[in-house]
Amino acid sequence: MVGFQRWEEVLNSALESDEKFRETLKRVLKEFHLDMKEFSRLSGVSESSLYKIISGHRPNPRLSTLRDILRTLKNLESSKEGEPFIALIASRSSLDALTTSHVTAGSLKLKIKGYGASSIEDAIVAALNAEQEGARAIVCGPVVATILQKIVRIPISSCPVALCNQPLLEAAKNAAKKIVEEIQPPRKKS
């Protein structure tokens, strides 16, 4: 299906046959490097339902389930294509005090996208949303960082307030450096 995005391939395969839908969905999840547990978390479709759909034990998923699957795949695909960004999780007043909307590391310029949080629970939800939306790294306070490192799969950066004049901006710069390190393999010494 040349020219189609992955979510469109899954939709078209569902129109073709149950077997083709299962095969295509399984392949697309593999291409996104997602297991059932992770896709369940992102889509809101239970792991049990996903396993039944892919194994053929539930050949006709509910329309709402199909919508959730397609919407999640579409979001994953569009976030990969969009401008890379760093999620900044902080209080609304801290976010309002920022004077820039981008940070630069090497030749990479990254947008900063703020997520307001007033509790640990808010920060966890914000981190999960940011990761789903395609954030390349997360910047947050040191206490929250230790929790989020156990939850998300993208780099976390924090800067204790006592060590920086502008801790959020410094942490965002550190996050940008981590992204550059992931993108560009280390140079071999000759």
C-alpha atoms as a PDB file:
ATOM      1  CA  MET A   1       0.000   0.000   0.000  1.00  0.00           C
ATOM      2  CA  VAL A   2       2.417   2.582  -1.217  1.00  0.00           C
ATOM      3  CA  GLY A   3       1.661   6.168  -0.229  1.00  0.00           C
ATOM      4  CA  PHE A   4      -0.497   5.292   2.770  1.00  0.00           C
ATOM      5  CA  GLN A   5       0.378   6.106   6.322  1.00  0.00           C
ATOM      6  CA  ARG A   6       0.459   3.158   8.710  1.00  0.00           C
ATOM      7  CA  TRP A   7      -2.871   3.967  10.336  1.00  0.00           C
ATOM      8  CA  GLU A   8      -4.459   4.062   6.858  1.00  0.00           C
ATOM      9  CA  GLU A   9      -2.938   0.664   6.087  1.00  0.00           C
ATOM     10  CA  VAL A  10      -4.562  -0.729   9.240  1.00  0.00           C
ATOM     11  CA  LEU A  11      -7.913   0.827   8.296  1.00  0.00           C
ATOM     12  CA  ASN A  12      -7.773  -0.487   4.723  1.00  0.00           C
ATOM     13  CA  SER A  13      -6.769  -3.941   5.914  1.00  0.00           C
ATOM     14  CA  ALA A  14      -9.789  -3.974   8.272  1.00  0.00           C
ATOM     15  CA  LEU A  15     -11.992  -3.330   5.260  1.00  0.00           C
ATOM     16  CA  GLU A  16     -10.321  -6.179   3.364  1.00  0.00           C
ATOM     17  CA  SER A  17     -10.529  -9.052   5.887  1.00  0.00           C
ATOM     18  CA  ASP A  18     -10.171  -9.966   9.553  1.00  0.00           C
ATOM     19  CA  GLU A  19      -6.956 -11.876   8.866  1.00  0.00           C
ATOM     20  CA  LYS A  20      -5.418  -9.000   6.904  1.00  0.00           C
ATOM     21  CA  PHE A  21      -6.389  -6.586   9.730  1.00  0.00           C
ATOM     22  CA  ARG A  22      -4.674  -8.775  12.358  1.00  0.00           C
ATOM     23  CA  GLU A  23      -1.519  -9.176  10.247  1.00  0.00           C
ATOM     24  CA  THR A  24      -1.288  -5.470   9.443  1.00  0.00           C
ATOM     25  CA  LEU A  25      -1.935  -4.336  13.014  1.00  0.00           C
ATOM     26  CA  LYS A  26       0.687  -6.758  14.333  1.00  0.00           C
ATOM     27  CA  ARG A  27       3.233  -5.540  11.738  1.00  0.00           C
ATOM     28  CA  VAL A  28       2.543  -1.850  12.417  1.00  0.00           C
ATOM     29  CA  LEU A  29       2.912  -2.291  16.179  1.00  0.00           C
ATOM     30  CA  LYS A  30       6.229  -4.023  15.542  1.00  0.00           C
ATOM     31  CA  GLU A  31       7.355  -1.135  13.293  1.00  0.00           C
ATOM     32  CA  PHE A  32       6.550   1.303  16.111  1.00  0.00           C
ATOM     33  CA  HIS A  33       8.451  -0.979  18.546  1.00  0.00           C
ATOM     34  CA  LEU A  34       5.359  -1.288  20.738  1.00  0.00           C
ATOM     35  CA  ASP A  35       4.275  -4.326  22.705  1.00  0.00           C
ATOM     36  CA  MET A  36       0.665  -4.961  23.710  1.00  0.00           C
ATOM     37  CA  LYS A  37       1.121  -3.474  27.173  1.00  0.00           C
ATOM     38  CA  GLU A  38       2.553  -0.207  25.854  1.00  0.00           C
ATOM     39  CA  PHE A  39      -0.009   0.112  23.057  1.00  0.00           C
ATOM     40  CA  SER A  40      -2.776  -0.610  25.553  1.00  0.00           C
ATOM     41  CA  ARG A  41      -1.521   2.230  27.750  1.00  0.00           C
ATOM     42  CA  LEU A  42      -1.359   4.629  24.804  1.00  0.00           C
ATOM     43  CA  SER A  43      -4.683   3.683  23.224  1.00  0.00           C
ATOM     44  CA  GLY A  44      -6.837   2.932  26.237  1.00  0.00           C
ATOM     45  CA  VAL A  45      -7.768  -0.440  24.699  1.00  0.00           C
ATOM     46  CA  SER A  46      -7.287  -3.201  27.248  1.00  0.00           C
ATOM     47  CA  GLU A  47      -4.396  -5.627  26.766  1.00  0.00           C
ATOM     48  CA  SER A  48      -6.913  -8.453  26.853  1.00  0.00           C
ATOM     49  CA  SER A  49      -8.886  -6.965  23.956  1.00  0.00           C
ATOM     50  CA  LEU A  50      -5.736  -6.346  21.931  1.00  0.00           C
ATOM     51  CA  TYR A  51      -4.549  -9.930  22.435  1.00  0.00           C
ATOM     52  CA  LYS A  52      -7.968 -11.255  21.421  1.00  0.00           C
ATOM     53  CA  ILE A  53      -8.030  -9.082  18.294  1.00  0.00           C
ATOM     54  CA  ILE A  54      -4.523 -10.051  17.178  1.00  0.00           C
ATOM     55  CA  SER A  55      -4.938 -13.742  18.009  1.00  0.00           C
ATOM     56  CA  GLY A  56      -8.257 -13.948  16.143  1.00  0.00           C
ATOM     57  CA  HIS A  57     -10.374 -14.735  19.214  1.00  0.00           C
ATOM     58  CA  ARG A  58     -12.260 -11.483  18.648  1.00  0.00           C
ATOM     59  CA  PRO A  59     -12.501 -11.147  14.880  1.00  0.00           C
ATOM     60  CA  ASN A  60     -14.893  -8.179  14.979  1.00  0.00           C
ATOM     61  CA  PRO A  61     -13.757  -5.523  17.453  1.00  0.00           C
ATOM     62  CA  ARG A  62     -16.258  -2.869  18.480  1.00  0.00           C
ATOM     63  CA  LEU A  63     -16.244   0.269  16.369  1.00  0.00           C
ATOM     64  CA  SER A  64     -15.082   2.330  19.369  1.00  0.00           C
ATOM     65  CA  THR A  65     -12.125  -0.041  19.841  1.00  0.00           C
ATOM     66  CA  LEU A  66     -11.169   0.263  16.168  1.00  0.00           C
ATOM     67  CA  ARG A  67     -11.398   4.054  16.454  1.00  0.00           C
ATOM     68  CA  ASP A  68      -9.120   4.037  19.523  1.00  0.00           C
ATOM     69  CA  ILE A  69      -6.570   1.875  17.692  1.00  0.00           C
ATOM     70  CA  LEU A  70      -6.588   4.037  14.559  1.00  0.00           C
ATOM     71  CA  ARG A  71      -6.532   7.331  16.493  1.00  0.00           C
ATOM     72  CA  THR A  72      -3.521   6.173  18.513  1.00  0.00           C
ATOM     73  CA  LEU A  73      -1.640   5.003  15.412  1.00  0.00           C
ATOM     74  CA  LYS A  74      -2.408   8.298  13.684  1.00  0.00           C
ATOM     75  CA  ASN A  75      -1.147  10.272  16.707  1.00  0.00           C
ATOM     76  CA  LEU A  76       2.010   8.164  16.883  1.00  0.00           C
ATOM     77  CA  GLU A  77       2.695   8.715  13.223  1.00  0.00           C
ATOM     78  CA  SER A  78       2.042  12.453  13.233  1.00  0.00           C
ATOM     79  CA  SER A  79       4.178  12.973  16.350  1.00  0.00           C
ATOM     80  CA  LYS A  80       7.098  11.269  14.624  1.00  0.00           C
ATOM     81  CA  GLU A  81       6.765  13.612  11.645  1.00  0.00           C
ATOM     82  CA  GLY A  82       6.262  16.851  13.581  1.00  0.00           C
ATOM     83  CA  GLU A  83       8.843  19.260  14.921  1.00  0.00           C
ATOM     84  CA  PRO A  84      10.862  17.593  17.682  1.00  0.00           C
ATOM     85  CA  PHE A  85      10.176  19.051  21.102  1.00  0.00           C
ATOM     86  CA  ILE A  86      11.141  18.862  24.750  1.00  0.00           C
ATOM     87  CA  ALA A  87       8.309  18.599  27.272  1.00  0.00           C
ATOM     88  CA  LEU A  88       8.711  20.934  30.214  1.00  0.00           C
ATOM     89  CA  ILE A  89       6.640  19.837  33.215  1.00  0.00           C
ATOM     90  CA  ALA A  90       6.409  22.541  35.853  1.00  0.00           C
ATOM     91  CA  SER A  91       4.013  24.821  37.695  1.00  0.00           C
ATOM     92  CA  ARG A  92       2.074  27.235  35.524  1.00  0.00           C
ATOM     93  CA  SER A  93       3.928  30.204  37.076  1.00  0.00           C
ATOM     94  CA  SER A  94       7.307  28.672  36.181  1.00  0.00           C
ATOM     95  CA  LEU A  95       6.168  28.033  32.624  1.00  0.00           C
ATOM     96  CA  ASP A  96       4.862  31.591  32.319  1.00  0.00           C
ATOM     97  CA  ALA A  97       8.259  32.947  33.437  1.00  0.00           C
ATOM     98  CA  LEU A  98      10.132  31.273  30.552  1.00  0.00           C
ATOM     99  CA  THR A  99      11.566  33.747  28.079  1.00  0.00           C
ATOM    100  CA  THR A 100      12.190  31.376  25.167  1.00  0.00           C
ATOM    101  CA  SER A 101      10.295  28.705  23.264  1.00  0.00           C
ATOM    102  CA  HIS A 102      13.301  26.827  21.830  1.00  0.00           C
ATOM    103  CA  VAL A 103      16.680  25.469  22.915  1.00  0.00           C
ATOM    104  CA  THR A 104      19.633  24.601  20.715  1.00  0.00           C
ATOM    105  CA  ALA A 105      22.145  21.787  21.099  1.00  0.00           C
ATOM    106  CA  GLY A 106      24.756  21.605  18.382  1.00  0.00           C
ATOM    107  CA  SER A 107      22.873  22.085  15.127  1.00  0.00           C
ATOM    108  CA  LEU A 108      19.580  20.807  16.540  1.00  0.00           C
ATOM    109  CA  LYS A 109      16.934  23.376  17.494  1.00  0.00           C
ATOM    110  CA  LEU A 110      14.171  21.954  19.697  1.00  0.00           C
ATOM    111  CA  LYS A 111      10.847  23.476  20.632  1.00  0.00           C
ATOM    112  CA  ILE A 112       9.936  23.643  24.335  1.00  0.00           C
ATOM    113  CA  LYS A 113       6.345  22.636  25.047  1.00  0.00           C
ATOM    114  CA  GLY A 114       5.043  23.368  28.524  1.00  0.00           C
ATOM    115  CA  TYR A 115       2.846  21.046  30.558  1.00  0.00           C
ATOM    116  CA  GLY A 116       1.428  22.582  33.719  1.00  0.00           C
ATOM    117  CA  ALA A 117       1.407  20.359  36.797  1.00  0.00           C
ATOM    118  CA  SER A 118       0.541  21.122  40.401  1.00  0.00           C
ATOM    119  CA  SER A 119       0.944  17.606  41.827  1.00  0.00           C
ATOM    120  CA  ILE A 120       2.878  14.387  41.270  1.00  0.00           C
ATOM    121  CA  GLU A 121      -0.228  12.895  39.674  1.00  0.00           C
ATOM    122  CA  ASP A 122      -0.469  15.839  37.256  1.00  0.00           C
ATOM    123  CA  ALA A 123       3.207  15.402  36.381  1.00  0.00           C
ATOM    124  CA  ILE A 124       2.773  11.690  35.659  1.00  0.00           C
ATOM    125  CA  VAL A 125      -0.226  12.329  33.405  1.00  0.00           C
ATOM    126  CA  ALA A 126       1.645  15.162  31.677  1.00  0.00           C
ATOM    127  CA  ALA A 127       4.686  12.931  31.093  1.00  0.00           C
ATOM    128  CA  LEU A 128       2.578  10.149  29.596  1.00  0.00           C
ATOM    129  CA  ASN A 129       0.792  12.649  27.352  1.00  0.00           C
ATOM    130  CA  ALA A 130       4.069  14.254  26.305  1.00  0.00           C
ATOM    131  CA  GLU A 131       5.588  10.896  25.416  1.00  0.00           C
ATOM    132  CA  GLN A 132       2.503   9.939  23.415  1.00  0.00           C
ATOM    133  CA  GLU A 133       2.573  13.299  21.603  1.00  0.00           C
ATOM    134  CA  GLY A 134       6.165  12.662  20.532  1.00  0.00           C
ATOM    135  CA  ALA A 135       8.309  14.519  23.058  1.00  0.00           C
ATOM    136  CA  ARG A 136      11.986  13.658  22.628  1.00  0.00           C
ATOM    137  CA  ALA A 137      12.823  14.381  26.299  1.00  0.00           C
ATOM    138  CA  ILE A 138      11.186  15.633  29.479  1.00  0.00           C
ATOM    139  CA  VAL A 139      12.370  18.362  31.834  1.00  0.00           C
ATOM    140  CA  CYS A 140      10.972  18.441  35.362  1.00  0.00           C
ATOM    141  CA  GLY A 141      11.949  18.860  38.996  1.00  0.00           C
ATOM    142  CA  PRO A 142      14.379  16.398  40.611  1.00  0.00           C
ATOM    143  CA  VAL A 143      11.805  14.604  42.782  1.00  0.00           C
ATOM    144  CA  VAL A 144       9.416  14.091  39.878  1.00  0.00           C
ATOM    145  CA  ALA A 145      12.315  13.040  37.613  1.00  0.00           C
ATOM    146  CA  THR A 146      13.091   9.983  39.764  1.00  0.00           C
ATOM    147  CA  ILE A 147       9.468   8.849  39.439  1.00  0.00           C
ATOM    148  CA  LEU A 148       9.112   9.587  35.727  1.00  0.00           C
ATOM    149  CA  GLN A 149      12.311   7.688  34.871  1.00  0.00           C
ATOM    150  CA  LYS A 150      10.456   4.536  35.910  1.00  0.00           C
ATOM    151  CA  ILE A 151       7.423   5.341  33.761  1.00  0.00           C
ATOM    152  CA  VAL A 152       8.511   6.812  30.410  1.00  0.00           C
ATOM    153  CA  ARG A 153      11.037   5.642  27.848  1.00  0.00           C
ATOM    154  CA  ILE A 154      12.433   9.031  26.826  1.00  0.00           C
ATOM    155  CA  PRO A 155      15.292  10.921  28.537  1.00  0.00           C
ATOM    156  CA  ILE A 156      14.484  12.905  31.687  1.00  0.00           C
ATOM    157  CA  SER A 157      16.464  15.971  32.709  1.00  0.00           C
ATOM    158  CA  SER A 158      16.238  17.994  35.892  1.00  0.00           C
ATOM    159  CA  CYS A 159      18.232  20.776  37.470  1.00  0.00           C
ATOM    160  CA  PRO A 160      18.069  21.492  41.188  1.00  0.00           C
ATOM    161  CA  VAL A 161      16.968  25.073  41.708  1.00  0.00           C
ATOM    162  CA  ALA A 162      19.937  25.828  43.986  1.00  0.00           C
ATOM    163  CA  LEU A 163      22.451  25.062  41.199  1.00  0.00           C
ATOM    164  CA  CYS A 164      21.106  27.220  38.384  1.00  0.00           C
ATOM    165  CA  ASN A 165      19.989  30.788  37.855  1.00  0.00           C
ATOM    166  CA  GLN A 166      17.444  29.557  35.303  1.00  0.00           C
ATOM    167  CA  PRO A 167      16.997  25.883  36.241  1.00  0.00           C
ATOM    168  CA  LEU A 168      14.283  25.022  33.717  1.00  0.00           C
ATOM    169  CA  LEU A 169      16.171  26.463  30.782  1.00  0.00           C
ATOM    170  CA  GLU A 170      19.416  24.789  31.861  1.00  0.00           C
ATOM    171  CA  ALA A 171      17.633  21.457  32.243  1.00  0.00           C
ATOM    172  CA  ALA A 172      16.065  21.916  28.785  1.00  0.00           C
ATOM    173  CA  LYS A 173      19.547  22.471  27.338  1.00  0.00           C
ATOM    174  CA  ASN A 174      20.737  19.274  29.055  1.00  0.00           C
ATOM    175  CA  ALA A 175      17.749  17.402  27.606  1.00  0.00           C
ATOM    176  CA  ALA A 176      18.593  18.721  24.126  1.00  0.00           C
ATOM    177  CA  LYS A 177      22.162  17.419  24.528  1.00  0.00           C
ATOM    178  CA  LYS A 178      20.796  13.971  25.445  1.00  0.00           C
ATOM    179  CA  ILE A 179      18.659  13.973  22.304  1.00  0.00           C
ATOM    180  CA  VAL A 180      21.638  14.926  20.149  1.00  0.00           C
ATOM    181  CA  GLU A 181      23.628  12.069  21.726  1.00  0.00           C
ATOM    182  CA  GLU A 182      20.837   9.624  20.844  1.00  0.00           C
ATOM    183  CA  ILE A 183      20.564  10.868  17.263  1.00  0.00           C
ATOM    184  CA  GLN A 184      24.272  11.189  16.507  1.00  0.00           C
ATOM    185  CA  PRO A 185      26.463   8.202  17.388  1.00  0.00           C
ATOM    186  CA  PRO A 186      29.731   9.090  19.152  1.00  0.00           C
ATOM    187  CA  ARG A 187      32.604   9.866  16.822  1.00  0.00           C
ATOM    188  CA  LYS A 188      35.405   7.345  16.660  1.00  0.00           C
ATOM    189  CA  LYS A 189      38.814   8.635  17.613  1.00  0.00           C
ATOM    190  CA  SER A 190      41.410   8.144  14.907  1.00  0.00           C
END
